[in-house]
Amino acid sequence: MNLQEELSKLKRRQKDTESPERAVVIATGTVPPAWAIKVLSLDGYNVYNIQLVEIVSPGASPSPVTGSLKAYNLAESFTSNGSLPAGTYAVMWRVGKNYVFSVG
């Protein structure tokens, strides 16, 4: 099937409470936007309080961009407590309604 048919099927199956498909499917063949982050603390299980950071120049610590957000570490189990230390830097993506990163 072609992409248009698949998107049409997705639209028909969509529930009233879900985001419109255009909020999830931005463009075909592209990579979702990514952000540099710093882990602030563990919120629970594999969910962390994180902060967006800006990489300014080589040799300089990244500077904070926003307050705290929550993101899932996909490299850890969803059913056990996370063990990632505060101060860890990573790359984060938005997937649907959630922010995710992967640090093992």
PDB file of N, CA and C in Angstrom:
ATOM      1  N   MET A   1       0.844  -1.199   0.000  1.00  0.00           N
ATOM      2  CA  MET A   1       0.000   0.000   0.000  1.00  0.00           C
ATOM      3  C   MET A   1       0.879   1.249   0.000  1.00  0.00           C
ATOM      4  N   ASN A   2       0.367   2.283  -0.526  1.00  0.00           N
ATOM      5  CA  ASN A   2       1.157   3.507  -0.500  1.00  0.00           C
ATOM      6  C   ASN A   2       0.893   4.284   0.791  1.00  0.00           C
ATOM      7  N   LEU A   3       1.688   5.283   1.007  1.00  0.00           N
ATOM      8  CA  LEU A   3       1.630   6.059   2.239  1.00  0.00           C
ATOM      9  C   LEU A   3       0.278   6.743   2.446  1.00  0.00           C
ATOM     10  N   GLN A   4      -0.315   7.271   1.380  1.00  0.00           N
ATOM     11  CA  GLN A   4      -1.603   7.957   1.513  1.00  0.00           C
ATOM     12  C   GLN A   4      -2.689   7.013   2.013  1.00  0.00           C
ATOM     13  N   GLU A   5      -2.686   5.767   1.534  1.00  0.00           N
ATOM     14  CA  GLU A   5      -3.671   4.789   2.003  1.00  0.00           C
ATOM     15  C   GLU A   5      -3.485   4.484   3.480  1.00  0.00           C
ATOM     16  N   GLU A   6      -2.229   4.315   3.904  1.00  0.00           N
ATOM     17  CA  GLU A   6      -1.942   4.037   5.312  1.00  0.00           C
ATOM     18  C   GLU A   6      -2.391   5.201   6.200  1.00  0.00           C
ATOM     19  N   LEU A   7      -2.121   6.434   5.768  1.00  0.00           N
ATOM     20  CA  LEU A   7      -2.535   7.598   6.557  1.00  0.00           C
ATOM     21  C   LEU A   7      -4.055   7.701   6.620  1.00  0.00           C
ATOM     22  N   SER A   8      -4.729   7.354   5.556  1.00  0.00           N
ATOM     23  CA  SER A   8      -6.199   7.361   5.546  1.00  0.00           C
ATOM     24  C   SER A   8      -6.752   6.341   6.531  1.00  0.00           C
ATOM     25  N   LYS A   9      -6.161   5.146   6.558  1.00  0.00           N
ATOM     26  CA  LYS A   9      -6.593   4.124   7.512  1.00  0.00           C
ATOM     27  C   LYS A   9      -6.364   4.592   8.944  1.00  0.00           C
ATOM     28  N   LEU A  10      -5.190   5.193   9.196  1.00  0.00           N
ATOM     29  CA  LEU A  10      -4.876   5.701  10.529  1.00  0.00           C
ATOM     30  C   LEU A  10      -5.900   6.741  10.956  1.00  0.00           C
ATOM     31  N   LYS A  11      -6.273   7.622  10.072  1.00  0.00           N
ATOM     32  CA  LYS A  11      -7.244   8.679  10.367  1.00  0.00           C
ATOM     33  C   LYS A  11      -8.605   8.071  10.726  1.00  0.00           C
ATOM     34  N   ARG A  12      -9.030   7.035   9.994  1.00  0.00           N
ATOM     35  CA  ARG A  12     -10.320   6.405  10.278  1.00  0.00           C
ATOM     36  C   ARG A  12     -10.324   5.694  11.622  1.00  0.00           C
ATOM     37  N   ARG A  13      -9.201   5.110  12.021  1.00  0.00           N
ATOM     38  CA  ARG A  13      -9.125   4.378  13.290  1.00  0.00           C
ATOM     39  C   ARG A  13      -8.922   5.304  14.484  1.00  0.00           C
ATOM     40  N   GLN A  14      -8.622   6.531  14.231  1.00  0.00           N
ATOM     41  CA  GLN A  14      -8.282   7.477  15.288  1.00  0.00           C
ATOM     42  C   GLN A  14      -9.468   7.734  16.211  1.00  0.00           C
ATOM     43  N   LYS A  15      -9.196   7.750  17.517  1.00  0.00           N
ATOM     44  CA  LYS A  15     -10.241   8.032  18.500  1.00  0.00           C
ATOM     45  C   LYS A  15     -10.384   9.537  18.677  1.00  0.00           C
ATOM     46  N   ASP A  16     -11.507   9.961  19.247  1.00  0.00           N
ATOM     47  CA  ASP A  16     -11.747  11.390  19.462  1.00  0.00           C
ATOM     48  C   ASP A  16     -10.765  12.003  20.441  1.00  0.00           C
ATOM     49  N   THR A  17     -10.229  11.220  21.379  1.00  0.00           N
ATOM     50  CA  THR A  17      -9.346  11.760  22.415  1.00  0.00           C
ATOM     51  C   THR A  17      -7.897  11.862  21.977  1.00  0.00           C
ATOM     52  N   GLU A  18      -7.545  11.263  20.849  1.00  0.00           N
ATOM     53  CA  GLU A  18      -6.161  11.300  20.391  1.00  0.00           C
ATOM     54  C   GLU A  18      -5.870  12.586  19.632  1.00  0.00           C
ATOM     55  N   SER A  19      -4.581  12.908  19.549  1.00  0.00           N
ATOM     56  CA  SER A  19      -4.161  14.060  18.753  1.00  0.00           C
ATOM     57  C   SER A  19      -4.414  13.777  17.289  1.00  0.00           C
ATOM     58  N   PRO A  20      -4.683  14.794  16.505  1.00  0.00           N
ATOM     59  CA  PRO A  20      -4.844  14.563  15.062  1.00  0.00           C
ATOM     60  C   PRO A  20      -3.551  13.980  14.495  1.00  0.00           C
ATOM     61  N   GLU A  21      -3.665  13.179  13.440  1.00  0.00           N
ATOM     62  CA  GLU A  21      -2.476  12.525  12.907  1.00  0.00           C
ATOM     63  C   GLU A  21      -1.440  13.532  12.425  1.00  0.00           C
ATOM     64  N   ARG A  22      -1.851  14.708  12.012  1.00  0.00           N
ATOM     65  CA  ARG A  22      -0.868  15.691  11.556  1.00  0.00           C
ATOM     66  C   ARG A  22       0.032  16.157  12.697  1.00  0.00           C
ATOM     67  N   ALA A  23      -0.385  15.969  13.958  1.00  0.00           N
ATOM     68  CA  ALA A  23       0.452  16.325  15.088  1.00  0.00           C
ATOM     69  C   ALA A  23       1.528  15.273  15.330  1.00  0.00           C
ATOM     70  N   VAL A  24       1.311  14.059  14.825  1.00  0.00           N
ATOM     71  CA  VAL A  24       2.282  12.982  15.004  1.00  0.00           C
ATOM     72  C   VAL A  24       3.113  12.778  13.742  1.00  0.00           C
ATOM     73  N   VAL A  25       2.470  12.772  12.588  1.00  0.00           N
ATOM     74  CA  VAL A  25       3.151  12.577  11.318  1.00  0.00           C
ATOM     75  C   VAL A  25       3.413  13.949  10.717  1.00  0.00           C
ATOM     76  N   ILE A  26       4.668  14.379  10.758  1.00  0.00           N
ATOM     77  CA  ILE A  26       5.002  15.725  10.282  1.00  0.00           C
ATOM     78  C   ILE A  26       5.369  15.695   8.808  1.00  0.00           C
ATOM     79  N   ALA A  27       6.284  14.820   8.437  1.00  0.00           N
ATOM     80  CA  ALA A  27       6.683  14.709   7.043  1.00  0.00           C
ATOM     81  C   ALA A  27       7.309  13.337   6.837  1.00  0.00           C
ATOM     82  N   THR A  28       7.119  12.790   5.673  1.00  0.00           N
ATOM     83  CA  THR A  28       7.682  11.478   5.401  1.00  0.00           C
ATOM     84  C   THR A  28       9.168  11.594   5.110  1.00  0.00           C
ATOM     85  N   GLY A  29       9.919  10.614   5.560  1.00  0.00           N
ATOM     86  CA  GLY A  29      11.339  10.557   5.251  1.00  0.00           C
ATOM     87  C   GLY A  29      12.210  11.523   6.016  1.00  0.00           C
ATOM     88  N   THR A  30      11.692  12.172   7.038  1.00  0.00           N
ATOM     89  CA  THR A  30      12.513  13.102   7.809  1.00  0.00           C
ATOM     90  C   THR A  30      12.761  12.547   9.203  1.00  0.00           C
ATOM     91  N   VAL A  31      13.751  13.079   9.845  1.00  0.00           N
ATOM     92  CA  VAL A  31      14.085  12.698  11.211  1.00  0.00           C
ATOM     93  C   VAL A  31      13.376  13.668  12.149  1.00  0.00           C
ATOM     94  N   PRO A  32      12.775  13.182  13.247  1.00  0.00           N
ATOM     95  CA  PRO A  32      12.129  14.117  14.169  1.00  0.00           C
ATOM     96  C   PRO A  32      13.152  15.043  14.811  1.00  0.00           C
ATOM     97  N   PRO A  33      12.726  16.246  15.205  1.00  0.00           N
ATOM     98  CA  PRO A  33      13.656  17.176  15.848  1.00  0.00           C
ATOM     99  C   PRO A  33      14.242  16.574  17.122  1.00  0.00           C
ATOM    100  N   ALA A  34      15.466  16.917  17.420  1.00  0.00           N
ATOM    101  CA  ALA A  34      16.140  16.415  18.618  1.00  0.00           C
ATOM    102  C   ALA A  34      16.691  17.586  19.415  1.00  0.00           C
ATOM    103  N   TRP A  35      16.807  17.393  20.735  1.00  0.00           N
ATOM    104  CA  TRP A  35      17.311  18.429  21.626  1.00  0.00           C
ATOM    105  C   TRP A  35      18.387  17.857  22.534  1.00  0.00           C
ATOM    106  N   ALA A  36      19.363  18.677  22.868  1.00  0.00           N
ATOM    107  CA  ALA A  36      20.358  18.300  23.872  1.00  0.00           C
ATOM    108  C   ALA A  36      19.724  18.529  25.236  1.00  0.00           C
ATOM    109  N   ILE A  37      19.911  17.567  26.164  1.00  0.00           N
ATOM    110  CA  ILE A  37      19.314  17.669  27.491  1.00  0.00           C
ATOM    111  C   ILE A  37      20.323  17.329  28.570  1.00  0.00           C
ATOM    112  N   LYS A  38      19.986  17.737  29.787  1.00  0.00           N
ATOM    113  CA  LYS A  38      20.741  17.380  30.985  1.00  0.00           C
ATOM    114  C   LYS A  38      19.750  16.752  31.960  1.00  0.00           C
ATOM    115  N   VAL A  39      20.101  15.588  32.504  1.00  0.00           N
ATOM    116  CA  VAL A  39      19.247  14.920  33.485  1.00  0.00           C
ATOM    117  C   VAL A  39      19.381  15.662  34.816  1.00  0.00           C
ATOM    118  N   LEU A  40      18.230  16.075  35.391  1.00  0.00           N
ATOM    119  CA  LEU A  40      18.236  16.761  36.680  1.00  0.00           C
ATOM    120  C   LEU A  40      18.019  15.793  37.832  1.00  0.00           C
ATOM    121  N   SER A  41      17.039  14.881  37.687  1.00  0.00           N
ATOM    122  CA  SER A  41      16.737  13.933  38.764  1.00  0.00           C
ATOM    123  C   SER A  41      15.813  12.838  38.252  1.00  0.00           C
ATOM    124  N   LEU A  42      15.691  11.793  39.039  1.00  0.00           N
ATOM    125  CA  LEU A  42      14.765  10.701  38.732  1.00  0.00           C
ATOM    126  C   LEU A  42      13.391  11.068  39.253  1.00  0.00           C
ATOM    127  N   ASP A  43      12.362  10.912  38.414  1.00  0.00           N
ATOM    128  CA  ASP A  43      10.990  11.174  38.836  1.00  0.00           C
ATOM    129  C   ASP A  43      10.340   9.889  39.329  1.00  0.00           C
ATOM    130  N   GLY A  44      10.609   8.780  38.663  1.00  0.00           N
ATOM    131  CA  GLY A  44      10.067   7.489  39.050  1.00  0.00           C
ATOM    132  C   GLY A  44      10.196   6.508  37.901  1.00  0.00           C
ATOM    133  N   TYR A  45      10.500   5.248  38.221  1.00  0.00           N
ATOM    134  CA  TYR A  45      10.729   4.206  37.220  1.00  0.00           C
ATOM    135  C   TYR A  45      11.771   4.690  36.218  1.00  0.00           C
ATOM    136  N   ASN A  46      11.432   4.804  34.944  1.00  0.00           N
ATOM    137  CA  ASN A  46      12.401   5.283  33.949  1.00  0.00           C
ATOM    138  C   ASN A  46      12.054   6.694  33.461  1.00  0.00           C
ATOM    139  N   VAL A  47      11.338   7.454  34.276  1.00  0.00           N
ATOM    140  CA  VAL A  47      10.966   8.834  33.945  1.00  0.00           C
ATOM    141  C   VAL A  47      11.887   9.785  34.715  1.00  0.00           C
ATOM    142  N   TYR A  48      12.474  10.722  33.992  1.00  0.00           N
ATOM    143  CA  TYR A  48      13.428  11.657  34.585  1.00  0.00           C
ATOM    144  C   TYR A  48      12.974  13.096  34.395  1.00  0.00           C
ATOM    145  N   ASN A  49      13.357  13.947  35.341  1.00  0.00           N
ATOM    146  CA  ASN A  49      13.211  15.390  35.187  1.00  0.00           C
ATOM    147  C   ASN A  49      14.451  15.835  34.421  1.00  0.00           C
ATOM    148  N   ILE A  50      14.228  16.486  33.297  1.00  0.00           N
ATOM    149  CA  ILE A  50      15.345  16.891  32.437  1.00  0.00           C
ATOM    150  C   ILE A  50      15.229  18.377  32.119  1.00  0.00           C
ATOM    151  N   GLN A  51      16.305  18.913  31.594  1.00  0.00           N
ATOM    152  CA  GLN A  51      16.339  20.329  31.211  1.00  0.00           C
ATOM    153  C   GLN A  51      16.976  20.436  29.832  1.00  0.00           C
ATOM    154  N   LEU A  52      16.348  21.190  28.938  1.00  0.00           N
ATOM    155  CA  LEU A  52      16.948  21.441  27.625  1.00  0.00           C
ATOM    156  C   LEU A  52      18.171  22.326  27.824  1.00  0.00           C
ATOM    157  N   VAL A  53      19.233  22.026  27.089  1.00  0.00           N
ATOM    158  CA  VAL A  53      20.455  22.831  27.177  1.00  0.00           C
ATOM    159  C   VAL A  53      20.910  23.232  25.785  1.00  0.00           C
ATOM    160  N   GLU A  54      21.695  24.289  25.732  1.00  0.00           N
ATOM    161  CA  GLU A  54      22.267  24.764  24.473  1.00  0.00           C
ATOM    162  C   GLU A  54      23.773  24.586  24.542  1.00  0.00           C
ATOM    163  N   ILE A  55      24.321  23.954  23.515  1.00  0.00           N
ATOM    164  CA  ILE A  55      25.773  23.799  23.439  1.00  0.00           C
ATOM    165  C   ILE A  55      26.314  25.072  22.802  1.00  0.00           C
ATOM    166  N   VAL A  56      27.079  25.836  23.587  1.00  0.00           N
ATOM    167  CA  VAL A  56      27.525  27.158  23.160  1.00  0.00           C
ATOM    168  C   VAL A  56      28.819  27.093  22.364  1.00  0.00           C
ATOM    169  N   SER A  57      29.846  26.489  22.944  1.00  0.00           N
ATOM    170  CA  SER A  57      31.134  26.389  22.255  1.00  0.00           C
ATOM    171  C   SER A  57      31.948  25.259  22.867  1.00  0.00           C
ATOM    172  N   PRO A  58      32.949  24.762  22.147  1.00  0.00           N
ATOM    173  CA  PRO A  58      33.790  23.701  22.689  1.00  0.00           C
ATOM    174  C   PRO A  58      34.491  24.147  23.969  1.00  0.00           C
ATOM    175  N   GLY A  59      34.542  23.280  24.948  1.00  0.00           N
ATOM    176  CA  GLY A  59      35.210  23.593  26.210  1.00  0.00           C
ATOM    177  C   GLY A  59      34.339  24.324  27.210  1.00  0.00           C
ATOM    178  N   ALA A  60      33.140  24.728  26.818  1.00  0.00           N
ATOM    179  CA  ALA A  60      32.228  25.432  27.719  1.00  0.00           C
ATOM    180  C   ALA A  60      31.069  24.516  28.085  1.00  0.00           C
ATOM    181  N   SER A  61      30.647  24.577  29.337  1.00  0.00           N
ATOM    182  CA  SER A  61      29.501  23.769  29.757  1.00  0.00           C
ATOM    183  C   SER A  61      28.242  24.245  29.041  1.00  0.00           C
ATOM    184  N   PRO A  62      27.368  23.313  28.655  1.00  0.00           N
ATOM    185  CA  PRO A  62      26.106  23.711  28.026  1.00  0.00           C
ATOM    186  C   PRO A  62      25.282  24.593  28.958  1.00  0.00           C
ATOM    187  N   SER A  63      24.576  25.558  28.403  1.00  0.00           N
ATOM    188  CA  SER A  63      23.777  26.462  29.234  1.00  0.00           C
ATOM    189  C   SER A  63      22.305  26.058  29.183  1.00  0.00           C
ATOM    190  N   PRO A  64      21.586  26.193  30.312  1.00  0.00           N
ATOM    191  CA  PRO A  64      20.168  25.825  30.362  1.00  0.00           C
ATOM    192  C   PRO A  64      19.330  26.686  29.431  1.00  0.00           C
ATOM    193  N   VAL A  65      18.301  26.059  28.832  1.00  0.00           N
ATOM    194  CA  VAL A  65      17.398  26.769  27.939  1.00  0.00           C
ATOM    195  C   VAL A  65      16.018  26.902  28.567  1.00  0.00           C
ATOM    196  N   THR A  66      15.553  25.875  29.270  1.00  0.00           N
ATOM    197  CA  THR A  66      14.200  25.875  29.835  1.00  0.00           C
ATOM    198  C   THR A  66      14.226  25.364  31.271  1.00  0.00           C
ATOM    199  N   GLY A  67      13.055  25.391  31.881  1.00  0.00           N
ATOM    200  CA  GLY A  67      12.879  24.761  33.181  1.00  0.00           C
ATOM    201  C   GLY A  67      12.803  23.255  33.015  1.00  0.00           C
ATOM    202  N   SER A  68      12.273  22.575  33.999  1.00  0.00           N
ATOM    203  CA  SER A  68      12.233  21.118  34.026  1.00  0.00           C
ATOM    204  C   SER A  68      11.104  20.542  33.156  1.00  0.00           C
ATOM    205  N   LEU A  69      11.414  19.475  32.442  1.00  0.00           N
ATOM    206  CA  LEU A  69      10.455  18.674  31.686  1.00  0.00           C
ATOM    207  C   LEU A  69      10.601  17.235  32.149  1.00  0.00           C
ATOM    208  N   LYS A  70       9.675  16.372  31.742  1.00  0.00           N
ATOM    209  CA  LYS A  70       9.789  14.948  32.053  1.00  0.00           C
ATOM    210  C   LYS A  70      10.021  14.186  30.750  1.00  0.00           C
ATOM    211  N   ALA A  71      10.924  13.184  30.811  1.00  0.00           N
ATOM    212  CA  ALA A  71      11.222  12.363  29.637  1.00  0.00           C
ATOM    213  C   ALA A  71      11.515  10.935  30.077  1.00  0.00           C
ATOM    214  N   TYR A  72      11.188   9.985  29.194  1.00  0.00           N
ATOM    215  CA  TYR A  72      11.414   8.566  29.450  1.00  0.00           C
ATOM    216  C   TYR A  72      12.779   8.149  28.923  1.00  0.00           C
ATOM    217  N   ASN A  73      13.529   7.375  29.722  1.00  0.00           N
ATOM    218  CA  ASN A  73      14.773   6.782  29.261  1.00  0.00           C
ATOM    219  C   ASN A  73      14.443   5.397  28.721  1.00  0.00           C
ATOM    220  N   LEU A  74      14.467   5.236  27.413  1.00  0.00           N
ATOM    221  CA  LEU A  74      14.082   3.977  26.785  1.00  0.00           C
ATOM    222  C   LEU A  74      15.107   2.864  26.997  1.00  0.00           C
ATOM    223  N   ALA A  75      16.292   3.191  27.472  1.00  0.00           N
ATOM    224  CA  ALA A  75      17.311   2.174  27.712  1.00  0.00           C
ATOM    225  C   ALA A  75      17.102   1.463  29.048  1.00  0.00           C
ATOM    226  N   GLU A  76      16.155   1.927  29.851  1.00  0.00           N
ATOM    227  CA  GLU A  76      15.876   1.312  31.153  1.00  0.00           C
ATOM    228  C   GLU A  76      14.493   0.683  31.153  1.00  0.00           C
ATOM    229  N   SER A  77      14.298  -0.278  32.042  1.00  0.00           N
ATOM    230  CA  SER A  77      13.020  -0.966  32.158  1.00  0.00           C
ATOM    231  C   SER A  77      11.924  -0.002  32.594  1.00  0.00           C
ATOM    232  N   PHE A  78      10.723  -0.220  32.074  1.00  0.00           N
ATOM    233  CA  PHE A  78       9.572   0.596  32.462  1.00  0.00           C
ATOM    234  C   PHE A  78       9.016   0.168  33.816  1.00  0.00           C
ATOM    235  N   THR A  79       9.503  -0.948  34.376  1.00  0.00           N
ATOM    236  CA  THR A  79       8.942  -1.482  35.622  1.00  0.00           C
ATOM    237  C   THR A  79       9.893  -1.447  36.803  1.00  0.00           C
ATOM    238  N   SER A  80      11.112  -0.951  36.630  1.00  0.00           N
ATOM    239  CA  SER A  80      12.029  -0.854  37.767  1.00  0.00           C
ATOM    240  C   SER A  80      12.575   0.564  37.869  1.00  0.00           C
ATOM    241  N   ASN A  81      13.112   0.891  39.041  1.00  0.00           N
ATOM    242  CA  ASN A  81      13.634   2.248  39.254  1.00  0.00           C
ATOM    243  C   ASN A  81      14.838   2.527  38.373  1.00  0.00           C
ATOM    244  N   GLY A  82      14.885   3.716  37.825  1.00  0.00           N
ATOM    245  CA  GLY A  82      16.007   4.140  36.996  1.00  0.00           C
ATOM    246  C   GLY A  82      17.249   4.383  37.829  1.00  0.00           C
ATOM    247  N   SER A  83      18.400   4.352  37.179  1.00  0.00           N
ATOM    248  CA  SER A  83      19.662   4.520  37.904  1.00  0.00           C
ATOM    249  C   SER A  83      20.592   5.531  37.245  1.00  0.00           C
ATOM    250  N   LEU A  84      20.059   6.349  36.362  1.00  0.00           N
ATOM    251  CA  LEU A  84      20.875   7.326  35.657  1.00  0.00           C
ATOM    252  C   LEU A  84      21.219   8.486  36.600  1.00  0.00           C
ATOM    253  N   PRO A  85      22.501   8.835  36.732  1.00  0.00           N
ATOM    254  CA  PRO A  85      22.865   9.912  37.648  1.00  0.00           C
ATOM    255  C   PRO A  85      22.499  11.306  37.120  1.00  0.00           C
ATOM    256  N   ALA A  86      22.192  12.216  38.040  1.00  0.00           N
ATOM    257  CA  ALA A  86      21.938  13.613  37.680  1.00  0.00           C
ATOM    258  C   ALA A  86      23.199  14.181  37.034  1.00  0.00           C
ATOM    259  N   GLY A  87      23.016  15.063  36.083  1.00  0.00           N
ATOM    260  CA  GLY A  87      24.148  15.678  35.399  1.00  0.00           C
ATOM    261  C   GLY A  87      24.521  14.992  34.098  1.00  0.00           C
ATOM    262  N   THR A  88      23.877  13.875  33.778  1.00  0.00           N
ATOM    263  CA  THR A  88      24.141  13.162  32.530  1.00  0.00           C
ATOM    264  C   THR A  88      23.542  13.941  31.358  1.00  0.00           C
ATOM    265  N   TYR A  89      24.290  14.053  30.271  1.00  0.00           N
ATOM    266  CA  TYR A  89      23.803  14.722  29.066  1.00  0.00           C
ATOM    267  C   TYR A  89      23.362  13.680  28.045  1.00  0.00           C
ATOM    268  N   ALA A  90      22.356  14.016  27.251  1.00  0.00           N
ATOM    269  CA  ALA A  90      21.831  13.084  26.247  1.00  0.00           C
ATOM    270  C   ALA A  90      21.148  13.869  25.140  1.00  0.00           C
ATOM    271  N   VAL A  91      20.615  13.134  24.161  1.00  0.00           N
ATOM    272  CA  VAL A  91      19.817  13.711  23.085  1.00  0.00           C
ATOM    273  C   VAL A  91      18.397  13.201  23.259  1.00  0.00           C
ATOM    274  N   MET A  92      17.412  14.094  23.148  1.00  0.00           N
ATOM    275  CA  MET A  92      16.016  13.757  23.383  1.00  0.00           C
ATOM    276  C   MET A  92      15.199  14.016  22.124  1.00  0.00           C
ATOM    277  N   TRP A  93      14.157  13.164  21.934  1.00  0.00           N
ATOM    278  CA  TRP A  93      13.206  13.328  20.830  1.00  0.00           C
ATOM    279  C   TRP A  93      11.801  13.358  21.384  1.00  0.00           C
ATOM    280  N   ARG A  94      10.892  13.918  20.629  1.00  0.00           N
ATOM    281  CA  ARG A  94       9.473  13.861  20.981  1.00  0.00           C
ATOM    282  C   ARG A  94       8.822  12.783  20.129  1.00  0.00           C
ATOM    283  N   VAL A  95       8.122  11.866  20.784  1.00  0.00           N
ATOM    284  CA  VAL A  95       7.426  10.782  20.099  1.00  0.00           C
ATOM    285  C   VAL A  95       5.980  10.830  20.556  1.00  0.00           C
ATOM    286  N   GLY A  96       5.077  11.240  19.673  1.00  0.00           N
ATOM    287  CA  GLY A  96       3.678  11.404  20.060  1.00  0.00           C
ATOM    288  C   GLY A  96       3.571  12.498  21.107  1.00  0.00           C
ATOM    289  N   LYS A  97       3.027  12.150  22.270  1.00  0.00           N
ATOM    290  CA  LYS A  97       2.858  13.117  23.358  1.00  0.00           C
ATOM    291  C   LYS A  97       4.017  13.097  24.350  1.00  0.00           C
ATOM    292  N   ASN A  98       4.977  12.188  24.179  1.00  0.00           N
ATOM    293  CA  ASN A  98       6.044  11.991  25.167  1.00  0.00           C
ATOM    294  C   ASN A  98       7.410  12.389  24.649  1.00  0.00           C
ATOM    295  N   TYR A  99       8.292  12.748  25.574  1.00  0.00           N
ATOM    296  CA  TYR A  99       9.688  12.976  25.273  1.00  0.00           C
ATOM    297  C   TYR A  99      10.448  11.723  25.667  1.00  0.00           C
ATOM    298  N   VAL A 100      11.411  11.308  24.824  1.00  0.00           N
ATOM    299  CA  VAL A 100      12.186  10.105  25.085  1.00  0.00           C
ATOM    300  C   VAL A 100      13.654  10.352  24.799  1.00  0.00           C
ATOM    301  N   PHE A 101      14.512   9.620  25.509  1.00  0.00           N
ATOM    302  CA  PHE A 101      15.935   9.586  25.232  1.00  0.00           C
ATOM    303  C   PHE A 101      16.416   8.183  25.548  1.00  0.00           C
ATOM    304  N   SER A 102      17.650   7.868  25.200  1.00  0.00           N
ATOM    305  CA  SER A 102      18.167   6.533  25.438  1.00  0.00           C
ATOM    306  C   SER A 102      19.609   6.616  25.909  1.00  0.00           C
ATOM    307  N   VAL A 103      19.813   6.356  27.192  1.00  0.00           N
ATOM    308  CA  VAL A 103      21.151   6.319  27.779  1.00  0.00           C
ATOM    309  C   VAL A 103      21.228   5.064  28.627  1.00  0.00           C
ATOM    310  N   GLY A 104      22.192   4.195  28.329  1.00  0.00           N
ATOM    311  CA  GLY A 104      22.297   2.912  29.034  1.00  0.00           C
ATOM    312  C   GLY A 104      23.235   2.879  30.165  1.00  0.00           C
TER     313      GLY A 104
END
